[in-house]
Amino acid sequence: MTQPTCFTGSRLEDGSFVLATLESVRRCPARSDFIELRFVTDEASWTWCFRDPPERSERGAGGTLALTVGPYGAQARCVDDSGLGLALPTSEALPMILAGSQTYVARRLLERMARPAVPTA
């Protein structure tokens, strides 16, 4: 049986990601069982809301994370020397982010935030 590879073909150096800083953490204003993380970059800010995990892993700081567009919204992925790794559950990503790990946000996520809302009839 072959081992799955963590590399997905996208690298941080190709301009698809922007270094981000965690600006704030709070309960989501719309859902008290969700947590909201606000990141700032040189280009824009971005907010990630997700269900507050009932249990958080003890994984500490260190390493690098990339916040990417996933099949159902944003997802955190580990980053190693070869590129983007597998998606992490929020219960693992959250403690790493809160502990100060280096975090990048996909430009596609920033662009989604910048689009004006389209009025509906």
PDB file of N, CA and C in Angstrom:
ATOM      1  N   MET A   1       0.846  -1.176   0.000  1.00  0.00           N
ATOM      2  CA  MET A   1       0.000   0.000   0.000  1.00  0.00           C
ATOM      3  C   MET A   1       0.896   1.246   0.000  1.00  0.00           C
ATOM      4  N   THR A   2       0.604   2.197  -0.853  1.00  0.00           N
ATOM      5  CA  THR A   2       1.426   3.399  -0.930  1.00  0.00           C
ATOM      6  C   THR A   2       0.992   4.413   0.113  1.00  0.00           C
ATOM      7  N   GLN A   3       1.941   5.200   0.572  1.00  0.00           N
ATOM      8  CA  GLN A   3       1.659   6.248   1.542  1.00  0.00           C
ATOM      9  C   GLN A   3       1.090   7.461   0.815  1.00  0.00           C
ATOM     10  N   PRO A   4       0.031   8.086   1.356  1.00  0.00           N
ATOM     11  CA  PRO A   4      -0.477   9.296   0.716  1.00  0.00           C
ATOM     12  C   PRO A   4       0.526  10.426   0.865  1.00  0.00           C
ATOM     13  N   THR A   5       0.609  11.252  -0.137  1.00  0.00           N
ATOM     14  CA  THR A   5       1.519  12.389  -0.065  1.00  0.00           C
ATOM     15  C   THR A   5       0.766  13.604   0.457  1.00  0.00           C
ATOM     16  N   CYS A   6       1.441  14.439   1.215  1.00  0.00           N
ATOM     17  CA  CYS A   6       0.826  15.645   1.756  1.00  0.00           C
ATOM     18  C   CYS A   6       0.887  16.803   0.769  1.00  0.00           C
ATOM     19  N   PHE A   7       1.737  16.713  -0.213  1.00  0.00           N
ATOM     20  CA  PHE A   7       1.916  17.829  -1.133  1.00  0.00           C
ATOM     21  C   PHE A   7       0.741  17.909  -2.105  1.00  0.00           C
ATOM     22  N   THR A   8       0.184  19.101  -2.259  1.00  0.00           N
ATOM     23  CA  THR A   8      -0.986  19.259  -3.114  1.00  0.00           C
ATOM     24  C   THR A   8      -0.701  20.048  -4.380  1.00  0.00           C
ATOM     25  N   GLY A   9       0.515  20.526  -4.541  1.00  0.00           N
ATOM     26  CA  GLY A   9       0.853  21.243  -5.754  1.00  0.00           C
ATOM     27  C   GLY A   9       0.859  22.751  -5.601  1.00  0.00           C
ATOM     28  N   SER A  10       0.373  23.285  -4.521  1.00  0.00           N
ATOM     29  CA  SER A  10       0.375  24.729  -4.327  1.00  0.00           C
ATOM     30  C   SER A  10       1.420  25.085  -3.288  1.00  0.00           C
ATOM     31  N   ARG A  11       2.236  26.082  -3.577  1.00  0.00           N
ATOM     32  CA  ARG A  11       3.277  26.513  -2.655  1.00  0.00           C
ATOM     33  C   ARG A  11       3.009  27.926  -2.198  1.00  0.00           C
ATOM     34  N   LEU A  12       3.512  28.261  -1.037  1.00  0.00           N
ATOM     35  CA  LEU A  12       3.307  29.605  -0.499  1.00  0.00           C
ATOM     36  C   LEU A  12       4.012  30.657  -1.336  1.00  0.00           C
ATOM     37  N   GLU A  13       5.090  30.284  -2.013  1.00  0.00           N
ATOM     38  CA  GLU A  13       5.879  31.256  -2.759  1.00  0.00           C
ATOM     39  C   GLU A  13       5.244  31.687  -4.068  1.00  0.00           C
ATOM     40  N   ASP A  14       4.205  31.024  -4.535  1.00  0.00           N
ATOM     41  CA  ASP A  14       3.661  31.353  -5.853  1.00  0.00           C
ATOM     42  C   ASP A  14       2.712  32.549  -5.845  1.00  0.00           C
ATOM     43  N   GLY A  15       2.535  33.208  -4.701  1.00  0.00           N
ATOM     44  CA  GLY A  15       1.684  34.386  -4.626  1.00  0.00           C
ATOM     45  C   GLY A  15       0.227  34.092  -4.315  1.00  0.00           C
ATOM     46  N   SER A  16      -0.115  32.835  -4.102  1.00  0.00           N
ATOM     47  CA  SER A  16      -1.502  32.469  -3.802  1.00  0.00           C
ATOM     48  C   SER A  16      -1.878  32.737  -2.351  1.00  0.00           C
ATOM     49  N   PHE A  17      -0.878  32.978  -1.496  1.00  0.00           N
ATOM     50  CA  PHE A  17      -1.114  33.169  -0.071  1.00  0.00           C
ATOM     51  C   PHE A  17      -0.464  34.453   0.418  1.00  0.00           C
ATOM     52  N   VAL A  18      -1.051  35.019   1.476  1.00  0.00           N
ATOM     53  CA  VAL A  18      -0.547  36.248   2.083  1.00  0.00           C
ATOM     54  C   VAL A  18      -0.331  35.974   3.562  1.00  0.00           C
ATOM     55  N   LEU A  19       0.807  36.405   4.098  1.00  0.00           N
ATOM     56  CA  LEU A  19       1.088  36.253   5.518  1.00  0.00           C
ATOM     57  C   LEU A  19       0.057  37.037   6.320  1.00  0.00           C
ATOM     58  N   ALA A  20      -0.494  36.436   7.343  1.00  0.00           N
ATOM     59  CA  ALA A  20      -1.554  37.057   8.138  1.00  0.00           C
ATOM     60  C   ALA A  20      -1.169  37.081   9.607  1.00  0.00           C
ATOM     61  N   THR A  21      -1.755  38.041  10.320  1.00  0.00           N
ATOM     62  CA  THR A  21      -1.581  38.163  11.758  1.00  0.00           C
ATOM     63  C   THR A  21      -2.947  38.052  12.412  1.00  0.00           C
ATOM     64  N   LEU A  22      -3.033  37.253  13.465  1.00  0.00           N
ATOM     65  CA  LEU A  22      -4.281  37.142  14.210  1.00  0.00           C
ATOM     66  C   LEU A  22      -4.508  38.447  14.971  1.00  0.00           C
ATOM     67  N   GLU A  23      -5.609  39.113  14.670  1.00  0.00           N
ATOM     68  CA  GLU A  23      -5.910  40.396  15.302  1.00  0.00           C
ATOM     69  C   GLU A  23      -6.820  40.237  16.513  1.00  0.00           C
ATOM     70  N   SER A  24      -7.831  39.377  16.398  1.00  0.00           N
ATOM     71  CA  SER A  24      -8.758  39.228  17.520  1.00  0.00           C
ATOM     72  C   SER A  24      -9.418  37.861  17.503  1.00  0.00           C
ATOM     73  N   VAL A  25      -9.896  37.479  18.677  1.00  0.00           N
ATOM     74  CA  VAL A  25     -10.638  36.232  18.875  1.00  0.00           C
ATOM     75  C   VAL A  25     -11.846  36.582  19.719  1.00  0.00           C
ATOM     76  N   ARG A  26     -13.027  36.147  19.301  1.00  0.00           N
ATOM     77  CA  ARG A  26     -14.243  36.405  20.079  1.00  0.00           C
ATOM     78  C   ARG A  26     -15.319  35.404  19.687  1.00  0.00           C
ATOM     79  N   ARG A  27     -16.375  35.413  20.453  1.00  0.00           N
ATOM     80  CA  ARG A  27     -17.543  34.616  20.098  1.00  0.00           C
ATOM     81  C   ARG A  27     -18.167  35.229  18.855  1.00  0.00           C
ATOM     82  N   CYS A  28     -18.665  34.412  17.977  1.00  0.00           N
ATOM     83  CA  CYS A  28     -19.316  34.903  16.769  1.00  0.00           C
ATOM     84  C   CYS A  28     -20.586  35.659  17.174  1.00  0.00           C
ATOM     85  N   PRO A  29     -20.786  36.876  16.661  1.00  0.00           N
ATOM     86  CA  PRO A  29     -21.970  37.650  17.035  1.00  0.00           C
ATOM     87  C   PRO A  29     -23.285  36.978  16.635  1.00  0.00           C
ATOM     88  N   ALA A  30     -23.244  36.176  15.570  1.00  0.00           N
ATOM     89  CA  ALA A  30     -24.475  35.543  15.088  1.00  0.00           C
ATOM     90  C   ALA A  30     -24.778  34.208  15.773  1.00  0.00           C
ATOM     91  N   ARG A  31     -23.751  33.521  16.258  1.00  0.00           N
ATOM     92  CA  ARG A  31     -23.933  32.202  16.864  1.00  0.00           C
ATOM     93  C   ARG A  31     -23.005  32.066  18.051  1.00  0.00           C
ATOM     94  N   SER A  32     -23.548  31.947  19.236  1.00  0.00           N
ATOM     95  CA  SER A  32     -22.724  31.890  20.442  1.00  0.00           C
ATOM     96  C   SER A  32     -21.910  30.598  20.548  1.00  0.00           C
ATOM     97  N   ASP A  33     -22.273  29.563  19.800  1.00  0.00           N
ATOM     98  CA  ASP A  33     -21.506  28.320  19.831  1.00  0.00           C
ATOM     99  C   ASP A  33     -20.386  28.317  18.782  1.00  0.00           C
ATOM    100  N   PHE A  34     -20.202  29.454  18.103  1.00  0.00           N
ATOM    101  CA  PHE A  34     -19.141  29.593  17.117  1.00  0.00           C
ATOM    102  C   PHE A  34     -18.089  30.557  17.644  1.00  0.00           C
ATOM    103  N   ILE A  35     -16.875  30.418  17.147  1.00  0.00           N
ATOM    104  CA  ILE A  35     -15.786  31.315  17.496  1.00  0.00           C
ATOM    105  C   ILE A  35     -15.380  32.073  16.231  1.00  0.00           C
ATOM    106  N   GLU A  36     -14.961  33.315  16.389  1.00  0.00           N
ATOM    107  CA  GLU A  36     -14.573  34.147  15.254  1.00  0.00           C
ATOM    108  C   GLU A  36     -13.111  34.566  15.417  1.00  0.00           C
ATOM    109  N   LEU A  37     -12.320  34.269  14.409  1.00  0.00           N
ATOM    110  CA  LEU A  37     -10.930  34.703  14.361  1.00  0.00           C
ATOM    111  C   LEU A  37     -10.814  35.762  13.274  1.00  0.00           C
ATOM    112  N   ARG A  38     -10.211  36.891  13.611  1.00  0.00           N
ATOM    113  CA  ARG A  38     -10.019  37.961  12.619  1.00  0.00           C
ATOM    114  C   ARG A  38      -8.531  38.084  12.342  1.00  0.00           C
ATOM    115  N   PHE A  39      -8.175  37.955  11.066  1.00  0.00           N
ATOM    116  CA  PHE A  39      -6.803  38.056  10.611  1.00  0.00           C
ATOM    117  C   PHE A  39      -6.635  39.327   9.801  1.00  0.00           C
ATOM    118  N   VAL A  40      -5.463  39.938   9.897  1.00  0.00           N
ATOM    119  CA  VAL A  40      -5.140  41.091   9.061  1.00  0.00           C
ATOM    120  C   VAL A  40      -3.905  40.745   8.228  1.00  0.00           C
ATOM    121  N   THR A  41      -3.896  41.281   7.019  1.00  0.00           N
ATOM    122  CA  THR A  41      -2.764  41.126   6.114  1.00  0.00           C
ATOM    123  C   THR A  41      -2.407  42.509   5.585  1.00  0.00           C
ATOM    124  N   ASP A  42      -1.389  42.589   4.775  1.00  0.00           N
ATOM    125  CA  ASP A  42      -1.027  43.858   4.145  1.00  0.00           C
ATOM    126  C   ASP A  42      -2.079  44.298   3.134  1.00  0.00           C
ATOM    127  N   GLU A  43      -2.921  43.368   2.701  1.00  0.00           N
ATOM    128  CA  GLU A  43      -3.901  43.657   1.652  1.00  0.00           C
ATOM    129  C   GLU A  43      -5.317  43.850   2.161  1.00  0.00           C
ATOM    130  N   ALA A  44      -5.701  43.104   3.161  1.00  0.00           N
ATOM    131  CA  ALA A  44      -7.087  43.144   3.642  1.00  0.00           C
ATOM    132  C   ALA A  44      -7.175  42.391   4.964  1.00  0.00           C
ATOM    133  N   SER A  45      -8.353  42.426   5.547  1.00  0.00           N
ATOM    134  CA  SER A  45      -8.602  41.601   6.734  1.00  0.00           C
ATOM    135  C   SER A  45      -9.545  40.479   6.333  1.00  0.00           C
ATOM    136  N   TRP A  46      -9.546  39.438   7.139  1.00  0.00           N
ATOM    137  CA  TRP A  46     -10.386  38.278   6.841  1.00  0.00           C
ATOM    138  C   TRP A  46     -10.850  37.666   8.159  1.00  0.00           C
ATOM    139  N   THR A  47     -12.106  37.275   8.217  1.00  0.00           N
ATOM    140  CA  THR A  47     -12.700  36.699   9.419  1.00  0.00           C
ATOM    141  C   THR A  47     -13.106  35.259   9.141  1.00  0.00           C
ATOM    142  N   TRP A  48     -12.756  34.384  10.069  1.00  0.00           N
ATOM    143  CA  TRP A  48     -13.090  32.966   9.959  1.00  0.00           C
ATOM    144  C   TRP A  48     -13.950  32.594  11.151  1.00  0.00           C
ATOM    145  N   CYS A  49     -15.184  32.174  10.907  1.00  0.00           N
ATOM    146  CA  CYS A  49     -16.087  31.711  11.960  1.00  0.00           C
ATOM    147  C   CYS A  49     -16.307  30.210  11.798  1.00  0.00           C
ATOM    148  N   PHE A  50     -16.263  29.510  12.889  1.00  0.00           N
ATOM    149  CA  PHE A  50     -16.521  28.072  12.857  1.00  0.00           C
ATOM    150  C   PHE A  50     -16.963  27.631  14.246  1.00  0.00           C
ATOM    151  N   ARG A  51     -17.591  26.457  14.292  1.00  0.00           N
ATOM    152  CA  ARG A  51     -18.061  25.923  15.574  1.00  0.00           C
ATOM    153  C   ARG A  51     -16.880  25.760  16.513  1.00  0.00           C
ATOM    154  N   ASP A  52     -17.016  26.285  17.726  1.00  0.00           N
ATOM    155  CA  ASP A  52     -15.960  26.151  18.726  1.00  0.00           C
ATOM    156  C   ASP A  52     -15.837  24.674  19.065  1.00  0.00           C
ATOM    157  N   PRO A  53     -14.677  24.076  18.813  1.00  0.00           N
ATOM    158  CA  PRO A  53     -14.543  22.643  19.072  1.00  0.00           C
ATOM    159  C   PRO A  53     -14.739  22.336  20.554  1.00  0.00           C
ATOM    160  N   PRO A  54     -15.501  21.287  20.874  1.00  0.00           N
ATOM    161  CA  PRO A  54     -15.728  20.936  22.275  1.00  0.00           C
ATOM    162  C   PRO A  54     -14.440  20.545  22.980  1.00  0.00           C
ATOM    163  N   GLU A  55     -13.522  19.951  22.246  1.00  0.00           N
ATOM    164  CA  GLU A  55     -12.223  19.592  22.808  1.00  0.00           C
ATOM    165  C   GLU A  55     -11.151  20.119  21.878  1.00  0.00           C
ATOM    166  N   ARG A  56     -10.129  20.716  22.463  1.00  0.00           N
ATOM    167  CA  ARG A  56      -9.023  21.230  21.669  1.00  0.00           C
ATOM    168  C   ARG A  56      -7.805  20.362  21.923  1.00  0.00           C
ATOM    169  N   SER A  57      -7.092  20.087  20.867  1.00  0.00           N
ATOM    170  CA  SER A  57      -5.890  19.271  21.031  1.00  0.00           C
ATOM    171  C   SER A  57      -4.847  20.079  21.800  1.00  0.00           C
ATOM    172  N   GLU A  58      -3.882  19.392  22.319  1.00  0.00           N
ATOM    173  CA  GLU A  58      -2.815  20.044  23.084  1.00  0.00           C
ATOM    174  C   GLU A  58      -1.662  20.464  22.183  1.00  0.00           C
ATOM    175  N   ARG A  59      -1.871  20.404  20.893  1.00  0.00           N
ATOM    176  CA  ARG A  59      -0.816  20.780  19.947  1.00  0.00           C
ATOM    177  C   ARG A  59      -0.452  22.240  20.181  1.00  0.00           C
ATOM    178  N   GLY A  60       0.806  22.523  20.339  1.00  0.00           N
ATOM    179  CA  GLY A  60       1.237  23.874  20.663  1.00  0.00           C
ATOM    180  C   GLY A  60       1.618  24.670  19.434  1.00  0.00           C
ATOM    181  N   ALA A  61       2.319  25.759  19.696  1.00  0.00           N
ATOM    182  CA  ALA A  61       2.776  26.625  18.618  1.00  0.00           C
ATOM    183  C   ALA A  61       3.850  25.912  17.821  1.00  0.00           C
ATOM    184  N   GLY A  62       4.206  26.508  16.767  1.00  0.00           N
ATOM    185  CA  GLY A  62       5.231  25.931  15.921  1.00  0.00           C
ATOM    186  C   GLY A  62       4.631  25.547  14.596  1.00  0.00           C
ATOM    187  N   GLY A  63       5.466  25.495  13.636  1.00  0.00           N
ATOM    188  CA  GLY A  63       4.980  25.137  12.323  1.00  0.00           C
ATOM    189  C   GLY A  63       4.291  26.307  11.634  1.00  0.00           C
ATOM    190  N   THR A  64       3.768  25.993  10.494  1.00  0.00           N
ATOM    191  CA  THR A  64       3.103  26.989   9.668  1.00  0.00           C
ATOM    192  C   THR A  64       1.776  26.427   9.206  1.00  0.00           C
ATOM    193  N   LEU A  65       0.769  27.282   9.180  1.00  0.00           N
ATOM    194  CA  LEU A  65      -0.553  26.912   8.693  1.00  0.00           C
ATOM    195  C   LEU A  65      -0.916  27.775   7.500  1.00  0.00           C
ATOM    196  N   ALA A  66      -1.725  27.223   6.619  1.00  0.00           N
ATOM    197  CA  ALA A  66      -2.299  27.984   5.512  1.00  0.00           C
ATOM    198  C   ALA A  66      -3.806  27.807   5.577  1.00  0.00           C
ATOM    199  N   LEU A  67      -4.527  28.913   5.522  1.00  0.00           N
ATOM    200  CA  LEU A  67      -5.984  28.876   5.487  1.00  0.00           C
ATOM    201  C   LEU A  67      -6.390  28.936   4.027  1.00  0.00           C
ATOM    202  N   THR A  68      -7.063  27.893   3.573  1.00  0.00           N
ATOM    203  CA  THR A  68      -7.362  27.718   2.160  1.00  0.00           C
ATOM    204  C   THR A  68      -8.861  27.588   1.923  1.00  0.00           C
ATOM    205  N   VAL A  69      -9.226  27.586   0.653  1.00  0.00           N
ATOM    206  CA  VAL A  69     -10.606  27.332   0.267  1.00  0.00           C
ATOM    207  C   VAL A  69     -10.776  25.826   0.224  1.00  0.00           C
ATOM    208  N   GLY A  70     -11.723  25.323   1.005  1.00  0.00           N
ATOM    209  CA  GLY A  70     -11.997  23.895   1.028  1.00  0.00           C
ATOM    210  C   GLY A  70     -13.331  23.606   0.373  1.00  0.00           C
ATOM    211  N   PRO A  71     -13.739  22.355   0.365  1.00  0.00           N
ATOM    212  CA  PRO A  71     -14.995  21.994  -0.293  1.00  0.00           C
ATOM    213  C   PRO A  71     -16.238  22.587   0.374  1.00  0.00           C
ATOM    214  N   TYR A  72     -16.165  22.890   1.664  1.00  0.00           N
ATOM    215  CA  TYR A  72     -17.327  23.424   2.385  1.00  0.00           C
ATOM    216  C   TYR A  72     -17.026  24.763   3.052  1.00  0.00           C
ATOM    217  N   GLY A  73     -16.023  25.467   2.573  1.00  0.00           N
ATOM    218  CA  GLY A  73     -15.629  26.738   3.166  1.00  0.00           C
ATOM    219  C   GLY A  73     -14.139  26.737   3.433  1.00  0.00           C
ATOM    220  N   ALA A  74     -13.716  27.565   4.354  1.00  0.00           N
ATOM    221  CA  ALA A  74     -12.287  27.662   4.665  1.00  0.00           C
ATOM    222  C   ALA A  74     -11.835  26.462   5.487  1.00  0.00           C
ATOM    223  N   GLN A  75     -10.582  26.096   5.293  1.00  0.00           N
ATOM    224  CA  GLN A  75      -9.994  25.040   6.107  1.00  0.00           C
ATOM    225  C   GLN A  75      -8.528  25.343   6.343  1.00  0.00           C
ATOM    226  N   ALA A  76      -8.027  24.856   7.468  1.00  0.00           N
ATOM    227  CA  ALA A  76      -6.624  25.027   7.827  1.00  0.00           C
ATOM    228  C   ALA A  76      -5.844  23.818   7.330  1.00  0.00           C
ATOM    229  N   ARG A  77      -4.666  24.091   6.815  1.00  0.00           N
ATOM    230  CA  ARG A  77      -3.804  23.015   6.346  1.00  0.00           C
ATOM    231  C   ARG A  77      -2.403  23.232   6.886  1.00  0.00           C
ATOM    232  N   CYS A  78      -1.754  22.153   7.242  1.00  0.00           N
ATOM    233  CA  CYS A  78      -0.369  22.260   7.686  1.00  0.00           C
ATOM    234  C   CYS A  78       0.510  22.537   6.474  1.00  0.00           C
ATOM    235  N   VAL A  79       1.643  23.159   6.726  1.00  0.00           N
ATOM    236  CA  VAL A  79       2.601  23.464   5.667  1.00  0.00           C
ATOM    237  C   VAL A  79       3.943  22.892   6.085  1.00  0.00           C
ATOM    238  N   ASP A  80       4.589  22.203   5.158  1.00  0.00           N
ATOM    239  CA  ASP A  80       5.936  21.714   5.422  1.00  0.00           C
ATOM    240  C   ASP A  80       6.829  22.108   4.259  1.00  0.00           C
ATOM    241  N   ASP A  81       8.028  21.589   4.220  1.00  0.00           N
ATOM    242  CA  ASP A  81       8.992  21.976   3.189  1.00  0.00           C
ATOM    243  C   ASP A  81       8.512  21.686   1.776  1.00  0.00           C
ATOM    244  N   SER A  82       7.641  20.700   1.625  1.00  0.00           N
ATOM    245  CA  SER A  82       7.188  20.340   0.278  1.00  0.00           C
ATOM    246  C   SER A  82       5.933  21.095  -0.153  1.00  0.00           C
ATOM    247  N   GLY A  83       5.299  21.831   0.750  1.00  0.00           N
ATOM    248  CA  GLY A  83       4.106  22.598   0.370  1.00  0.00           C
ATOM    249  C   GLY A  83       2.964  22.370   1.340  1.00  0.00           C
ATOM    250  N   LEU A  84       1.766  22.480   0.816  1.00  0.00           N
ATOM    251  CA  LEU A  84       0.580  22.308   1.646  1.00  0.00           C
ATOM    252  C   LEU A  84       0.375  20.846   1.999  1.00  0.00           C
ATOM    253  N   GLY A  85       0.031  20.621   3.256  1.00  0.00           N
ATOM    254  CA  GLY A  85      -0.245  19.272   3.714  1.00  0.00           C
ATOM    255  C   GLY A  85      -1.741  19.033   3.817  1.00  0.00           C
ATOM    256  N   LEU A  86      -2.078  18.030   4.545  1.00  0.00           N
ATOM    257  CA  LEU A  86      -3.474  17.637   4.703  1.00  0.00           C
ATOM    258  C   LEU A  86      -4.233  18.655   5.557  1.00  0.00           C
ATOM    259  N   ALA A  87      -5.541  18.674   5.387  1.00  0.00           N
ATOM    260  CA  ALA A  87      -6.390  19.560   6.178  1.00  0.00           C
ATOM    261  C   ALA A  87      -6.355  19.130   7.639  1.00  0.00           C
ATOM    262  N   LEU A  88      -6.381  20.130   8.519  1.00  0.00           N
ATOM    263  CA  LEU A  88      -6.407  19.869   9.959  1.00  0.00           C
ATOM    264  C   LEU A  88      -7.810  20.122  10.493  1.00  0.00           C
ATOM    265  N   PRO A  89      -8.267  19.324  11.446  1.00  0.00           N
ATOM    266  CA  PRO A  89      -9.524  19.664  12.105  1.00  0.00           C
ATOM    267  C   PRO A  89      -9.345  20.961  12.894  1.00  0.00           C
ATOM    268  N   THR A  90     -10.408  21.717  13.051  1.00  0.00           N
ATOM    269  CA  THR A  90     -10.307  22.980  13.782  1.00  0.00           C
ATOM    270  C   THR A  90      -9.832  22.753  15.210  1.00  0.00           C
ATOM    271  N   SER A  91     -10.111  21.580  15.776  1.00  0.00           N
ATOM    272  CA  SER A  91      -9.655  21.297  17.144  1.00  0.00           C
ATOM    273  C   SER A  91      -8.135  21.236  17.223  1.00  0.00           C
ATOM    274  N   GLU A  92      -7.441  20.991  16.108  1.00  0.00           N
ATOM    275  CA  GLU A  92      -5.978  21.021  16.075  1.00  0.00           C
ATOM    276  C   GLU A  92      -5.454  22.373  15.611  1.00  0.00           C
ATOM    277  N   ALA A  93      -6.130  22.973  14.647  1.00  0.00           N
ATOM    278  CA  ALA A  93      -5.664  24.247  14.087  1.00  0.00           C
ATOM    279  C   ALA A  93      -5.820  25.394  15.078  1.00  0.00           C
ATOM    280  N   LEU A  94      -6.918  25.440  15.800  1.00  0.00           N
ATOM    281  CA  LEU A  94      -7.187  26.563  16.700  1.00  0.00           C
ATOM    282  C   LEU A  94      -6.093  26.750  17.750  1.00  0.00           C
ATOM    283  N   PRO A  95      -5.679  25.704  18.483  1.00  0.00           N
ATOM    284  CA  PRO A  95      -4.603  25.918  19.467  1.00  0.00           C
ATOM    285  C   PRO A  95      -3.297  26.381  18.821  1.00  0.00           C
ATOM    286  N   MET A  96      -3.019  25.919  17.617  1.00  0.00           N
ATOM    287  CA  MET A  96      -1.799  26.345  16.931  1.00  0.00           C
ATOM    288  C   MET A  96      -1.871  27.833  16.582  1.00  0.00           C
ATOM    289  N   ILE A  97      -3.028  28.265  16.094  1.00  0.00           N
ATOM    290  CA  ILE A  97      -3.210  29.676  15.730  1.00  0.00           C
ATOM    291  C   ILE A  97      -3.124  30.548  16.977  1.00  0.00           C
ATOM    292  N   LEU A  98      -3.826  30.145  18.036  1.00  0.00           N
ATOM    293  CA  LEU A  98      -3.828  30.930  19.268  1.00  0.00           C
ATOM    294  C   LEU A  98      -2.445  30.999  19.914  1.00  0.00           C
ATOM    295  N   ALA A  99      -1.632  29.969  19.696  1.00  0.00           N
ATOM    296  CA  ALA A  99      -0.284  29.938  20.269  1.00  0.00           C
ATOM    297  C   ALA A  99       0.723  30.709  19.422  1.00  0.00           C
ATOM    298  N   GLY A 100       0.277  31.253  18.295  1.00  0.00           N
ATOM    299  CA  GLY A 100       1.146  32.121  17.508  1.00  0.00           C
ATOM    300  C   GLY A 100       1.852  31.484  16.333  1.00  0.00           C
ATOM    301  N   SER A 101       1.349  30.371  15.828  1.00  0.00           N
ATOM    302  CA  SER A 101       2.017  29.783  14.664  1.00  0.00           C
ATOM    303  C   SER A 101       1.909  30.720  13.464  1.00  0.00           C
ATOM    304  N   GLN A 102       2.849  30.610  12.545  1.00  0.00           N
ATOM    305  CA  GLN A 102       2.844  31.452  11.354  1.00  0.00           C
ATOM    306  C   GLN A 102       1.670  31.032  10.484  1.00  0.00           C
ATOM    307  N   THR A 103       0.842  31.995  10.088  1.00  0.00           N
ATOM    308  CA  THR A 103      -0.385  31.688   9.356  1.00  0.00           C
ATOM    309  C   THR A 103      -0.448  32.491   8.070  1.00  0.00           C
ATOM    310  N   TYR A 104      -0.825  31.809   7.006  1.00  0.00           N
ATOM    311  CA  TYR A 104      -1.038  32.432   5.701  1.00  0.00           C
ATOM    312  C   TYR A 104      -2.508  32.268   5.323  1.00  0.00           C
ATOM    313  N   VAL A 105      -3.056  33.262   4.621  1.00  0.00           N
ATOM    314  CA  VAL A 105      -4.435  33.205   4.139  1.00  0.00           C
ATOM    315  C   VAL A 105      -4.404  33.192   2.616  1.00  0.00           C
ATOM    316  N   ALA A 106      -5.187  32.333   2.020  1.00  0.00           N
ATOM    317  CA  ALA A 106      -5.270  32.262   0.560  1.00  0.00           C
ATOM    318  C   ALA A 106      -5.860  33.559   0.014  1.00  0.00           C
ATOM    319  N   ARG A 107      -5.280  34.061  -1.060  1.00  0.00           N
ATOM    320  CA  ARG A 107      -5.805  35.276  -1.698  1.00  0.00           C
ATOM    321  C   ARG A 107      -7.268  35.090  -2.109  1.00  0.00           C
ATOM    322  N   ARG A 108      -7.631  33.888  -2.478  1.00  0.00           N
ATOM    323  CA  ARG A 108      -9.025  33.625  -2.875  1.00  0.00           C
ATOM    324  C   ARG A 108      -9.994  33.920  -1.729  1.00  0.00           C
ATOM    325  N   LEU A 109      -9.583  33.653  -0.494  1.00  0.00           N
ATOM    326  CA  LEU A 109     -10.442  33.966   0.652  1.00  0.00           C
ATOM    327  C   LEU A 109     -10.554  35.475   0.833  1.00  0.00           C
ATOM    328  N   LEU A 110      -9.445  36.186   0.670  1.00  0.00           N
ATOM    329  CA  LEU A 110      -9.466  37.647   0.792  1.00  0.00           C
ATOM    330  C   LEU A 110     -10.326  38.261  -0.306  1.00  0.00           C
ATOM    331  N   GLU A 111     -10.239  37.706  -1.509  1.00  0.00           N
ATOM    332  CA  GLU A 111     -11.030  38.221  -2.627  1.00  0.00           C
ATOM    333  C   GLU A 111     -12.516  38.016  -2.394  1.00  0.00           C
ATOM    334  N   ARG A 112     -12.890  36.908  -1.797  1.00  0.00           N
ATOM    335  CA  ARG A 112     -14.308  36.654  -1.499  1.00  0.00           C
ATOM    336  C   ARG A 112     -14.867  37.685  -0.533  1.00  0.00           C
ATOM    337  N   MET A 113     -14.020  38.108   0.424  1.00  0.00           N
ATOM    338  CA  MET A 113     -14.459  39.112   1.394  1.00  0.00           C
ATOM    339  C   MET A 113     -14.597  40.478   0.741  1.00  0.00           C
ATOM    340  N   ALA A 114     -13.815  40.741  -0.306  1.00  0.00           N
ATOM    341  CA  ALA A 114     -13.797  42.057  -0.933  1.00  0.00           C
ATOM    342  C   ALA A 114     -14.930  42.259  -1.936  1.00  0.00           C
ATOM    343  N   ARG A 115     -15.555  41.184  -2.367  1.00  0.00           N
ATOM    344  CA  ARG A 115     -16.627  41.314  -3.349  1.00  0.00           C
ATOM    345  C   ARG A 115     -17.835  41.998  -2.737  1.00  0.00           C
ATOM    346  N   PRO A 116     -18.419  42.936  -3.468  1.00  0.00           N
ATOM    347  CA  PRO A 116     -19.638  43.573  -2.955  1.00  0.00           C
ATOM    348  C   PRO A 116     -20.808  42.593  -3.028  1.00  0.00           C
ATOM    349  N   ALA A 117     -21.709  42.743  -2.102  1.00  0.00           N
ATOM    350  CA  ALA A 117     -22.904  41.897  -2.089  1.00  0.00           C
ATOM    351  C   ALA A 117     -23.770  42.223  -3.306  1.00  0.00           C
ATOM    352  N   VAL A 118     -24.336  41.182  -3.899  1.00  0.00           N
ATOM    353  CA  VAL A 118     -25.212  41.369  -5.048  1.00  0.00           C
ATOM    354  C   VAL A 118     -26.642  41.457  -4.539  1.00  0.00           C
ATOM    355  N   PRO A 119     -27.327  42.587  -4.804  1.00  0.00           N
ATOM    356  CA  PRO A 119     -28.699  42.698  -4.311  1.00  0.00           C
ATOM    357  C   PRO A 119     -29.606  41.700  -4.978  1.00  0.00           C
ATOM    358  N   THR A 120     -30.543  41.170  -4.213  1.00  0.00           N
ATOM    359  CA  THR A 120     -31.528  40.241  -4.778  1.00  0.00           C
ATOM    360  C   THR A 120     -32.835  40.981  -4.974  1.00  0.00           C
ATOM    361  N   ALA A 121     -33.568  40.542  -5.955  1.00  0.00           N
ATOM    362  CA  ALA A 121     -34.830  41.209  -6.283  1.00  0.00           C
ATOM    363  C   ALA A 121     -35.941  40.818  -5.346  1.00  0.00           C
TER     364      ALA A 121
END
